[in-house]
């Protein structure tokens, strides 16, 4: 099964209420969490904090995080399409919030 990649596209700031959404992404077994939009760095930091604080729930799993505040959308998509995964082409999910 191909690795999953989540690209979150949002211009909303991260709020603690979004933690459940991020936890759900982790439970999907993603290999890359990428955020595009105005508050992308906030979202990436929140995911990094969640991964560290909840690491026992995801033993042996490594999730790369990236943020893309000022990059064109096509560049973000291109990066995800060329992400190196172990199990073939990545399964890219785009979430708009």
PDB file of N, CA and C in Angstrom:
ATOM      1  N   UNK A   1       0.840  -1.183   0.000  1.00  0.00           N
ATOM      2  CA  UNK A   1       0.000   0.000   0.000  1.00  0.00           C
ATOM      3  C   UNK A   1       0.886   1.248   0.000  1.00  0.00           C
ATOM      4  N   UNK A   2       0.610   2.211  -0.884  1.00  0.00           N
ATOM      5  CA  UNK A   2       1.425   3.419  -0.943  1.00  0.00           C
ATOM      6  C   UNK A   2       1.309   4.247   0.334  1.00  0.00           C
ATOM      7  N   UNK A   3       2.379   4.965   0.642  1.00  0.00           N
ATOM      8  CA  UNK A   3       2.335   5.886   1.772  1.00  0.00           C
ATOM      9  C   UNK A   3       1.357   7.005   1.469  1.00  0.00           C
ATOM     10  N   UNK A   4       0.749   7.530   2.516  1.00  0.00           N
ATOM     11  CA  UNK A   4      -0.182   8.634   2.367  1.00  0.00           C
ATOM     12  C   UNK A   4       0.485   9.959   2.688  1.00  0.00           C
ATOM     13  N   UNK A   5       0.077  10.947   1.941  1.00  0.00           N
ATOM     14  CA  UNK A   5       0.531  12.314   2.145  1.00  0.00           C
ATOM     15  C   UNK A   5      -0.707  13.175   2.332  1.00  0.00           C
ATOM     16  N   UNK A   6      -0.673  14.013   3.339  1.00  0.00           N
ATOM     17  CA  UNK A   6      -1.743  14.989   3.547  1.00  0.00           C
ATOM     18  C   UNK A   6      -1.190  16.362   3.202  1.00  0.00           C
ATOM     19  N   UNK A   7      -1.908  17.071   2.343  1.00  0.00           N
ATOM     20  CA  UNK A   7      -1.632  18.488   2.113  1.00  0.00           C
ATOM     21  C   UNK A   7      -2.842  19.242   2.637  1.00  0.00           C
ATOM     22  N   UNK A   8      -2.614  20.030   3.660  1.00  0.00           N
ATOM     23  CA  UNK A   8      -3.673  20.860   4.221  1.00  0.00           C
ATOM     24  C   UNK A   8      -3.522  22.254   3.631  1.00  0.00           C
ATOM     25  N   UNK A   9      -4.593  22.708   3.001  1.00  0.00           N
ATOM     26  CA  UNK A   9      -4.591  24.042   2.381  1.00  0.00           C
ATOM     27  C   UNK A   9      -5.575  24.901   3.173  1.00  0.00           C
ATOM     28  N   UNK A  10      -5.037  25.889   3.898  1.00  0.00           N
ATOM     29  CA  UNK A  10      -5.900  26.702   4.733  1.00  0.00           C
ATOM     30  C   UNK A  10      -5.286  28.075   4.991  1.00  0.00           C
ATOM     31  N   UNK A  11      -6.140  29.056   5.160  1.00  0.00           N
ATOM     32  CA  UNK A  11      -5.718  30.376   5.603  1.00  0.00           C
ATOM     33  C   UNK A  11      -6.292  30.672   6.982  1.00  0.00           C
ATOM     34  N   UNK A  12      -6.697  29.613   7.672  1.00  0.00           N
ATOM     35  CA  UNK A  12      -7.200  29.758   9.037  1.00  0.00           C
ATOM     36  C   UNK A  12      -6.072  29.506  10.025  1.00  0.00           C
ATOM     37  N   UNK A  13      -6.041  30.264  11.118  1.00  0.00           N
ATOM     38  CA  UNK A  13      -5.026  29.986  12.138  1.00  0.00           C
ATOM     39  C   UNK A  13      -5.320  28.669  12.849  1.00  0.00           C
ATOM     40  N   UNK A  14      -4.268  28.038  13.355  1.00  0.00           N
ATOM     41  CA  UNK A  14      -4.447  26.805  14.118  1.00  0.00           C
ATOM     42  C   UNK A  14      -5.052  27.143  15.477  1.00  0.00           C
ATOM     43  N   UNK A  15      -6.035  26.345  15.884  1.00  0.00           N
ATOM     44  CA  UNK A  15      -6.657  26.446  17.209  1.00  0.00           C
ATOM     45  C   UNK A  15      -6.588  25.074  17.863  1.00  0.00           C
ATOM     46  N   UNK A  16      -6.587  25.023  19.173  1.00  0.00           N
ATOM     47  CA  UNK A  16      -6.503  23.752  19.889  1.00  0.00           C
ATOM     48  C   UNK A  16      -7.648  22.816  19.483  1.00  0.00           C
ATOM     49  N   UNK A  17      -8.750  23.361  19.041  1.00  0.00           N
ATOM     50  CA  UNK A  17      -9.877  22.544  18.577  1.00  0.00           C
ATOM     51  C   UNK A  17      -9.510  21.695  17.358  1.00  0.00           C
ATOM     52  N   UNK A  18      -8.448  22.074  16.660  1.00  0.00           N
ATOM     53  CA  UNK A  18      -8.012  21.336  15.473  1.00  0.00           C
ATOM     54  C   UNK A  18      -7.137  20.126  15.811  1.00  0.00           C
ATOM     55  N   UNK A  19      -6.798  19.951  17.078  1.00  0.00           N
ATOM     56  CA  UNK A  19      -5.911  18.856  17.453  1.00  0.00           C
ATOM     57  C   UNK A  19      -6.478  17.493  17.058  1.00  0.00           C
ATOM     58  N   UNK A  20      -7.785  17.321  17.180  1.00  0.00           N
ATOM     59  CA  UNK A  20      -8.417  16.051  16.798  1.00  0.00           C
ATOM     60  C   UNK A  20      -8.196  15.762  15.317  1.00  0.00           C
ATOM     61  N   UNK A  21      -8.276  16.775  14.492  1.00  0.00           N
ATOM     62  CA  UNK A  21      -8.029  16.612  13.056  1.00  0.00           C
ATOM     63  C   UNK A  21      -6.598  16.140  12.807  1.00  0.00           C
ATOM     64  N   UNK A  22      -5.640  16.771  13.472  1.00  0.00           N
ATOM     65  CA  UNK A  22      -4.243  16.379  13.298  1.00  0.00           C
ATOM     66  C   UNK A  22      -3.992  14.959  13.807  1.00  0.00           C
ATOM     67  N   UNK A  23      -4.602  14.618  14.917  1.00  0.00           N
ATOM     68  CA  UNK A  23      -4.463  13.266  15.456  1.00  0.00           C
ATOM     69  C   UNK A  23      -5.020  12.243  14.472  1.00  0.00           C
ATOM     70  N   UNK A  24      -6.125  12.575  13.850  1.00  0.00           N
ATOM     71  CA  UNK A  24      -6.719  11.701  12.838  1.00  0.00           C
ATOM     72  C   UNK A  24      -5.755  11.483  11.672  1.00  0.00           C
ATOM     73  N   UNK A  25      -5.083  12.539  11.238  1.00  0.00           N
ATOM     74  CA  UNK A  25      -4.096  12.401  10.165  1.00  0.00           C
ATOM     75  C   UNK A  25      -2.989  11.435  10.580  1.00  0.00           C
ATOM     76  N   UNK A  26      -2.510  11.565  11.806  1.00  0.00           N
ATOM     77  CA  UNK A  26      -1.446  10.671  12.305  1.00  0.00           C
ATOM     78  C   UNK A  26      -1.915   9.222  12.313  1.00  0.00           C
ATOM     79  N   UNK A  27      -3.142   9.005  12.700  1.00  0.00           N
ATOM     80  CA  UNK A  27      -3.680   7.650  12.782  1.00  0.00           C
ATOM     81  C   UNK A  27      -3.843   7.011  11.411  1.00  0.00           C
ATOM     82  N   UNK A  28      -3.861   7.818  10.358  1.00  0.00           N
ATOM     83  CA  UNK A  28      -3.953   7.302   8.996  1.00  0.00           C
ATOM     84  C   UNK A  28      -2.628   6.716   8.518  1.00  0.00           C
ATOM     85  N   UNK A  29      -1.571   6.925   9.276  1.00  0.00           N
ATOM     86  CA  UNK A  29      -0.280   6.391   8.875  1.00  0.00           C
ATOM     87  C   UNK A  29       0.410   7.207   7.798  1.00  0.00           C
ATOM     88  N   UNK A  30       0.229   8.507   7.821  1.00  0.00           N
ATOM     89  CA  UNK A  30       0.836   9.362   6.802  1.00  0.00           C
ATOM     90  C   UNK A  30       2.357   9.401   6.958  1.00  0.00           C
ATOM     91  N   UNK A  31       3.032   9.676   5.853  1.00  0.00           N
ATOM     92  CA  UNK A  31       4.482   9.843   5.902  1.00  0.00           C
ATOM     93  C   UNK A  31       4.881  11.317   5.761  1.00  0.00           C
ATOM     94  N   UNK A  32       3.962  12.132   5.212  1.00  0.00           N
ATOM     95  CA  UNK A  32       4.233  13.559   5.033  1.00  0.00           C
ATOM     96  C   UNK A  32       2.976  14.347   5.350  1.00  0.00           C
ATOM     97  N   UNK A  33       3.147  15.378   6.182  1.00  0.00           N
ATOM     98  CA  UNK A  33       2.089  16.343   6.464  1.00  0.00           C
ATOM     99  C   UNK A  33       2.613  17.684   5.984  1.00  0.00           C
ATOM    100  N   UNK A  34       1.969  18.236   4.979  1.00  0.00           N
ATOM    101  CA  UNK A  34       2.393  19.481   4.370  1.00  0.00           C
ATOM    102  C   UNK A  34       1.248  20.484   4.469  1.00  0.00           C
ATOM    103  N   UNK A  35       1.583  21.710   4.833  1.00  0.00           N
ATOM    104  CA  UNK A  35       0.555  22.740   4.995  1.00  0.00           C
ATOM    105  C   UNK A  35       0.880  23.922   4.102  1.00  0.00           C
ATOM    106  N   UNK A  36      -0.125  24.386   3.379  1.00  0.00           N
ATOM    107  CA  UNK A  36       0.014  25.559   2.527  1.00  0.00           C
ATOM    108  C   UNK A  36      -1.005  26.598   2.965  1.00  0.00           C
ATOM    109  N   UNK A  37      -0.551  27.834   3.095  1.00  0.00           N
ATOM    110  CA  UNK A  37      -1.465  28.901   3.455  1.00  0.00           C
ATOM    111  C   UNK A  37      -0.842  29.871   4.441  1.00  0.00           C
ATOM    112  N   UNK A  38      -1.612  30.873   4.780  1.00  0.00           N
ATOM    113  CA  UNK A  38      -1.154  31.991   5.594  1.00  0.00           C
ATOM    114  C   UNK A  38      -0.588  31.573   6.952  1.00  0.00           C
ATOM    115  N   UNK A  39      -1.208  30.610   7.612  1.00  0.00           N
ATOM    116  CA  UNK A  39      -0.781  30.184   8.952  1.00  0.00           C
ATOM    117  C   UNK A  39      -0.111  28.811   8.926  1.00  0.00           C
ATOM    118  N   UNK A  40       0.508  28.474   7.826  1.00  0.00           N
ATOM    119  CA  UNK A  40       1.088  27.147   7.645  1.00  0.00           C
ATOM    120  C   UNK A  40       2.098  26.796   8.736  1.00  0.00           C
ATOM    121  N   UNK A  41       2.903  27.750   9.144  1.00  0.00           N
ATOM    122  CA  UNK A  41       3.907  27.467  10.167  1.00  0.00           C
ATOM    123  C   UNK A  41       3.259  27.093  11.499  1.00  0.00           C
ATOM    124  N   UNK A  42       2.158  27.741  11.861  1.00  0.00           N
ATOM    125  CA  UNK A  42       1.424  27.381  13.083  1.00  0.00           C
ATOM    126  C   UNK A  42       0.945  25.937  13.032  1.00  0.00           C
ATOM    127  N   UNK A  43       0.376  25.560  11.907  1.00  0.00           N
ATOM    128  CA  UNK A  43      -0.138  24.203  11.736  1.00  0.00           C
ATOM    129  C   UNK A  43       0.991  23.174  11.802  1.00  0.00           C
ATOM    130  N   UNK A  44       2.113  23.481  11.147  1.00  0.00           N
ATOM    131  CA  UNK A  44       3.239  22.558  11.182  1.00  0.00           C
ATOM    132  C   UNK A  44       3.766  22.405  12.605  1.00  0.00           C
ATOM    133  N   UNK A  45       3.913  23.518  13.324  1.00  0.00           N
ATOM    134  CA  UNK A  45       4.382  23.459  14.712  1.00  0.00           C
ATOM    135  C   UNK A  45       3.434  22.637  15.574  1.00  0.00           C
ATOM    136  N   UNK A  46       2.143  22.805  15.367  1.00  0.00           N
ATOM    137  CA  UNK A  46       1.161  22.039  16.140  1.00  0.00           C
ATOM    138  C   UNK A  46       1.275  20.547  15.860  1.00  0.00           C
ATOM    139  N   UNK A  47       1.471  20.194  14.592  1.00  0.00           N
ATOM    140  CA  UNK A  47       1.633  18.780  14.251  1.00  0.00           C
ATOM    141  C   UNK A  47       2.912  18.230  14.862  1.00  0.00           C
ATOM    142  N   UNK A  48       3.995  18.971  14.782  1.00  0.00           N
ATOM    143  CA  UNK A  48       5.254  18.528  15.383  1.00  0.00           C
ATOM    144  C   UNK A  48       5.079  18.295  16.888  1.00  0.00           C
ATOM    145  N   UNK A  49       4.426  19.230  17.563  1.00  0.00           N
ATOM    146  CA  UNK A  49       4.188  19.085  19.002  1.00  0.00           C
ATOM    147  C   UNK A  49       3.341  17.854  19.304  1.00  0.00           C
ATOM    148  N   UNK A  50       2.325  17.618  18.489  1.00  0.00           N
ATOM    149  CA  UNK A  50       1.453  16.458  18.684  1.00  0.00           C
ATOM    150  C   UNK A  50       2.220  15.155  18.490  1.00  0.00           C
ATOM    151  N   UNK A  51       3.018  15.100  17.452  1.00  0.00           N
ATOM    152  CA  UNK A  51       3.807  13.892  17.174  1.00  0.00           C
ATOM    153  C   UNK A  51       4.736  13.589  18.351  1.00  0.00           C
ATOM    154  N   UNK A  52       5.357  14.617  18.887  1.00  0.00           N
ATOM    155  CA  UNK A  52       6.275  14.423  20.017  1.00  0.00           C
ATOM    156  C   UNK A  52       5.516  14.003  21.271  1.00  0.00           C
ATOM    157  N   UNK A  53       4.413  14.679  21.567  1.00  0.00           N
ATOM    158  CA  UNK A  53       3.678  14.383  22.806  1.00  0.00           C
ATOM    159  C   UNK A  53       2.917  13.062  22.749  1.00  0.00           C
ATOM    160  N   UNK A  54       2.561  12.610  21.564  1.00  0.00           N
ATOM    161  CA  UNK A  54       1.776  11.380  21.415  1.00  0.00           C
ATOM    162  C   UNK A  54       2.583  10.259  20.760  1.00  0.00           C
ATOM    163  N   UNK A  55       3.912  10.331  20.827  1.00  0.00           N
ATOM    164  CA  UNK A  55       4.759   9.383  20.092  1.00  0.00           C
ATOM    165  C   UNK A  55       4.490   7.919  20.448  1.00  0.00           C
ATOM    166  N   UNK A  56       4.040   7.644  21.668  1.00  0.00           N
ATOM    167  CA  UNK A  56       3.778   6.246  22.042  1.00  0.00           C
ATOM    168  C   UNK A  56       2.592   5.654  21.276  1.00  0.00           C
ATOM    169  N   UNK A  57       1.739   6.495  20.723  1.00  0.00           N
ATOM    170  CA  UNK A  57       0.598   6.013  19.932  1.00  0.00           C
ATOM    171  C   UNK A  57       1.005   5.620  18.515  1.00  0.00           C
ATOM    172  N   UNK A  58       2.199   6.037  18.106  1.00  0.00           N
ATOM    173  CA  UNK A  58       2.667   5.795  16.744  1.00  0.00           C
ATOM    174  C   UNK A  58       4.077   5.204  16.765  1.00  0.00           C
ATOM    175  N   UNK A  59       4.268   4.063  17.416  1.00  0.00           N
ATOM    176  CA  UNK A  59       5.624   3.514  17.540  1.00  0.00           C
ATOM    177  C   UNK A  59       6.227   3.174  16.176  1.00  0.00           C
ATOM    178  N   UNK A  60       7.480   3.578  16.008  1.00  0.00           N
ATOM    179  CA  UNK A  60       8.199   3.266  14.782  1.00  0.00           C
ATOM    180  C   UNK A  60       7.777   4.069  13.569  1.00  0.00           C
ATOM    181  N   UNK A  61       6.884   5.018  13.734  1.00  0.00           N
ATOM    182  CA  UNK A  61       6.393   5.812  12.604  1.00  0.00           C
ATOM    183  C   UNK A  61       7.055   7.181  12.596  1.00  0.00           C
ATOM    184  N   UNK A  62       7.537   7.578  11.439  1.00  0.00           N
ATOM    185  CA  UNK A  62       8.162   8.882  11.262  1.00  0.00           C
ATOM    186  C   UNK A  62       7.297   9.691  10.307  1.00  0.00           C
ATOM    187  N   UNK A  63       6.931  10.896  10.710  1.00  0.00           N
ATOM    188  CA  UNK A  63       6.126  11.783   9.869  1.00  0.00           C
ATOM    189  C   UNK A  63       6.935  13.049   9.614  1.00  0.00           C
ATOM    190  N   UNK A  64       7.178  13.330   8.343  1.00  0.00           N
ATOM    191  CA  UNK A  64       7.842  14.574   7.967  1.00  0.00           C
ATOM    192  C   UNK A  64       6.785  15.658   7.865  1.00  0.00           C
ATOM    193  N   UNK A  65       7.124  16.863   8.338  1.00  0.00           N
ATOM    194  CA  UNK A  65       6.205  17.992   8.229  1.00  0.00           C
ATOM    195  C   UNK A  65       6.883  19.122   7.464  1.00  0.00           C
ATOM    196  N   UNK A  66       6.090  19.819   6.657  1.00  0.00           N
ATOM    197  CA  UNK A  66       6.602  20.982   5.920  1.00  0.00           C
ATOM    198  C   UNK A  66       5.537  22.063   5.925  1.00  0.00           C
ATOM    199  N   UNK A  67       5.986  23.311   5.824  1.00  0.00           N
ATOM    200  CA  UNK A  67       5.021  24.406   5.698  1.00  0.00           C
ATOM    201  C   UNK A  67       5.397  25.267   4.508  1.00  0.00           C
ATOM    202  N   UNK A  68       4.369  25.813   3.885  1.00  0.00           N
ATOM    203  CA  UNK A  68       4.536  26.562   2.635  1.00  0.00           C
ATOM    204  C   UNK A  68       3.635  27.799   2.691  1.00  0.00           C
ATOM    205  N   UNK A  69       4.129  28.818   3.372  1.00  0.00           N
ATOM    206  CA  UNK A  69       3.326  30.025   3.573  1.00  0.00           C
ATOM    207  C   UNK A  69       3.236  30.874   2.308  1.00  0.00           C
ATOM    208  N   UNK A  70       4.334  31.023   1.627  1.00  0.00           N
ATOM    209  CA  UNK A  70       4.367  31.940   0.482  1.00  0.00           C
ATOM    210  C   UNK A  70       4.677  31.255  -0.844  1.00  0.00           C
ATOM    211  N   UNK A  71       4.613  29.949  -0.875  1.00  0.00           N
ATOM    212  CA  UNK A  71       4.932  29.238  -2.109  1.00  0.00           C
ATOM    213  C   UNK A  71       3.682  29.043  -2.967  1.00  0.00           C
ATOM    214  N   UNK A  72       3.839  29.079  -4.275  1.00  0.00           N
ATOM    215  CA  UNK A  72       2.683  28.831  -5.150  1.00  0.00           C
ATOM    216  C   UNK A  72       2.133  27.414  -4.939  1.00  0.00           C
ATOM    217  N   UNK A  73       0.836  27.300  -5.051  1.00  0.00           N
ATOM    218  CA  UNK A  73       0.149  26.022  -4.830  1.00  0.00           C
ATOM    219  C   UNK A  73       0.721  24.917  -5.712  1.00  0.00           C
ATOM    220  N   UNK A  74       1.006  25.214  -6.963  1.00  0.00           N
ATOM    221  CA  UNK A  74       1.537  24.200  -7.882  1.00  0.00           C
ATOM    222  C   UNK A  74       2.887  23.653  -7.410  1.00  0.00           C
ATOM    223  N   UNK A  75       3.698  24.482  -6.778  1.00  0.00           N
ATOM    224  CA  UNK A  75       4.981  24.005  -6.256  1.00  0.00           C
ATOM    225  C   UNK A  75       4.782  23.053  -5.082  1.00  0.00           C
ATOM    226  N   UNK A  76       3.797  23.343  -4.248  1.00  0.00           N
ATOM    227  CA  UNK A  76       3.491  22.457  -3.119  1.00  0.00           C
ATOM    228  C   UNK A  76       3.024  21.100  -3.642  1.00  0.00           C
ATOM    229  N   UNK A  77       2.130  21.116  -4.611  1.00  0.00           N
ATOM    230  CA  UNK A  77       1.656  19.866  -5.214  1.00  0.00           C
ATOM    231  C   UNK A  77       2.793  19.093  -5.878  1.00  0.00           C
ATOM    232  N   UNK A  78       3.641  19.799  -6.585  1.00  0.00           N
ATOM    233  CA  UNK A  78       4.762  19.151  -7.263  1.00  0.00           C
ATOM    234  C   UNK A  78       5.695  18.480  -6.257  1.00  0.00           C
ATOM    235  N   UNK A  79       5.965  19.144  -5.144  1.00  0.00           N
ATOM    236  CA  UNK A  79       6.811  18.556  -4.111  1.00  0.00           C
ATOM    237  C   UNK A  79       6.192  17.258  -3.607  1.00  0.00           C
ATOM    238  N   UNK A  80       4.894  17.264  -3.356  1.00  0.00           N
ATOM    239  CA  UNK A  80       4.212  16.067  -2.853  1.00  0.00           C
ATOM    240  C   UNK A  80       4.214  14.940  -3.891  1.00  0.00           C
ATOM    241  N   UNK A  81       4.005  15.284  -5.127  1.00  0.00           N
ATOM    242  CA  UNK A  81       3.986  14.268  -6.191  1.00  0.00           C
ATOM    243  C   UNK A  81       5.331  13.561  -6.335  1.00  0.00           C
ATOM    244  N   UNK A  82       6.403  14.258  -5.993  1.00  0.00           N
ATOM    245  CA  UNK A  82       7.738  13.695  -6.138  1.00  0.00           C
ATOM    246  C   UNK A  82       8.336  13.237  -4.815  1.00  0.00           C
ATOM    247  N   UNK A  83       7.501  13.173  -3.786  1.00  0.00           N
ATOM    248  CA  UNK A  83       7.965  12.722  -2.482  1.00  0.00           C
ATOM    249  C   UNK A  83       8.412  11.268  -2.590  1.00  0.00           C
ATOM    250  N   UNK A  84       9.574  10.979  -2.084  1.00  0.00           N
ATOM    251  CA  UNK A  84      10.139   9.636  -2.154  1.00  0.00           C
ATOM    252  C   UNK A  84       9.482   8.741  -1.104  1.00  0.00           C
ATOM    253  N   UNK A  85       8.755   7.747  -1.554  1.00  0.00           N
ATOM    254  CA  UNK A  85       8.103   6.796  -0.656  1.00  0.00           C
ATOM    255  C   UNK A  85       8.585   5.388  -0.971  1.00  0.00           C
ATOM    256  N   UNK A  86       8.454   4.512   0.003  1.00  0.00           N
ATOM    257  CA  UNK A  86       8.943   3.141  -0.149  1.00  0.00           C
ATOM    258  C   UNK A  86       8.004   2.245  -0.943  1.00  0.00           C
ATOM    259  N   UNK A  87       6.735   2.576  -0.984  1.00  0.00           N
ATOM    260  CA  UNK A  87       5.733   1.664  -1.542  1.00  0.00           C
ATOM    261  C   UNK A  87       5.085   2.183  -2.812  1.00  0.00           C
ATOM    262  N   UNK A  88       5.850   2.712  -3.735  1.00  0.00           N
ATOM    263  CA  UNK A  88       5.284   3.196  -4.987  1.00  0.00           C
ATOM    264  C   UNK A  88       4.894   4.659  -4.905  1.00  0.00           C
ATOM    265  N   UNK A  89       4.047   5.074  -5.825  1.00  0.00           N
ATOM    266  CA  UNK A  89       3.599   6.465  -5.872  1.00  0.00           C
ATOM    267  C   UNK A  89       2.789   6.800  -4.624  1.00  0.00           C
ATOM    268  N   UNK A  90       2.963   8.004  -4.093  1.00  0.00           N
ATOM    269  CA  UNK A  90       2.240   8.367  -2.873  1.00  0.00           C
ATOM    270  C   UNK A  90       0.749   8.568  -3.118  1.00  0.00           C
ATOM    271  N   UNK A  91      -0.026   8.305  -2.090  1.00  0.00           N
ATOM    272  CA  UNK A  91      -1.457   8.596  -2.079  1.00  0.00           C
ATOM    273  C   UNK A  91      -1.614   9.982  -1.477  1.00  0.00           C
ATOM    274  N   UNK A  92      -1.885  10.987  -2.316  1.00  0.00           N
ATOM    275  CA  UNK A  92      -1.957  12.370  -1.860  1.00  0.00           C
ATOM    276  C   UNK A  92      -3.408  12.753  -1.582  1.00  0.00           C
ATOM    277  N   UNK A  93      -3.626  13.196  -0.357  1.00  0.00           N
ATOM    278  CA  UNK A  93      -4.947  13.697   0.030  1.00  0.00           C
ATOM    279  C   UNK A  93      -4.838  15.205   0.246  1.00  0.00           C
ATOM    280  N   UNK A  94      -5.693  15.948  -0.420  1.00  0.00           N
ATOM    281  CA  UNK A  94      -5.720  17.401  -0.248  1.00  0.00           C
ATOM    282  C   UNK A  94      -6.937  17.739   0.598  1.00  0.00           C
ATOM    283  N   UNK A  95      -6.675  18.395   1.717  1.00  0.00           N
ATOM    284  CA  UNK A  95      -7.736  18.799   2.636  1.00  0.00           C
ATOM    285  C   UNK A  95      -7.785  20.320   2.616  1.00  0.00           C
ATOM    286  N   UNK A  96      -8.949  20.861   2.332  1.00  0.00           N
ATOM    287  CA  UNK A  96      -9.123  22.318   2.360  1.00  0.00           C
ATOM    288  C   UNK A  96      -9.962  22.687   3.549  1.00  0.00           C
ATOM    289  N   UNK A  97      -9.466  23.653   4.300  1.00  0.00           N
ATOM    290  CA  UNK A  97     -10.138  24.066   5.535  1.00  0.00           C
ATOM    291  C   UNK A  97     -10.237  25.575   5.564  1.00  0.00           C
TER     292      UNK A  97
END
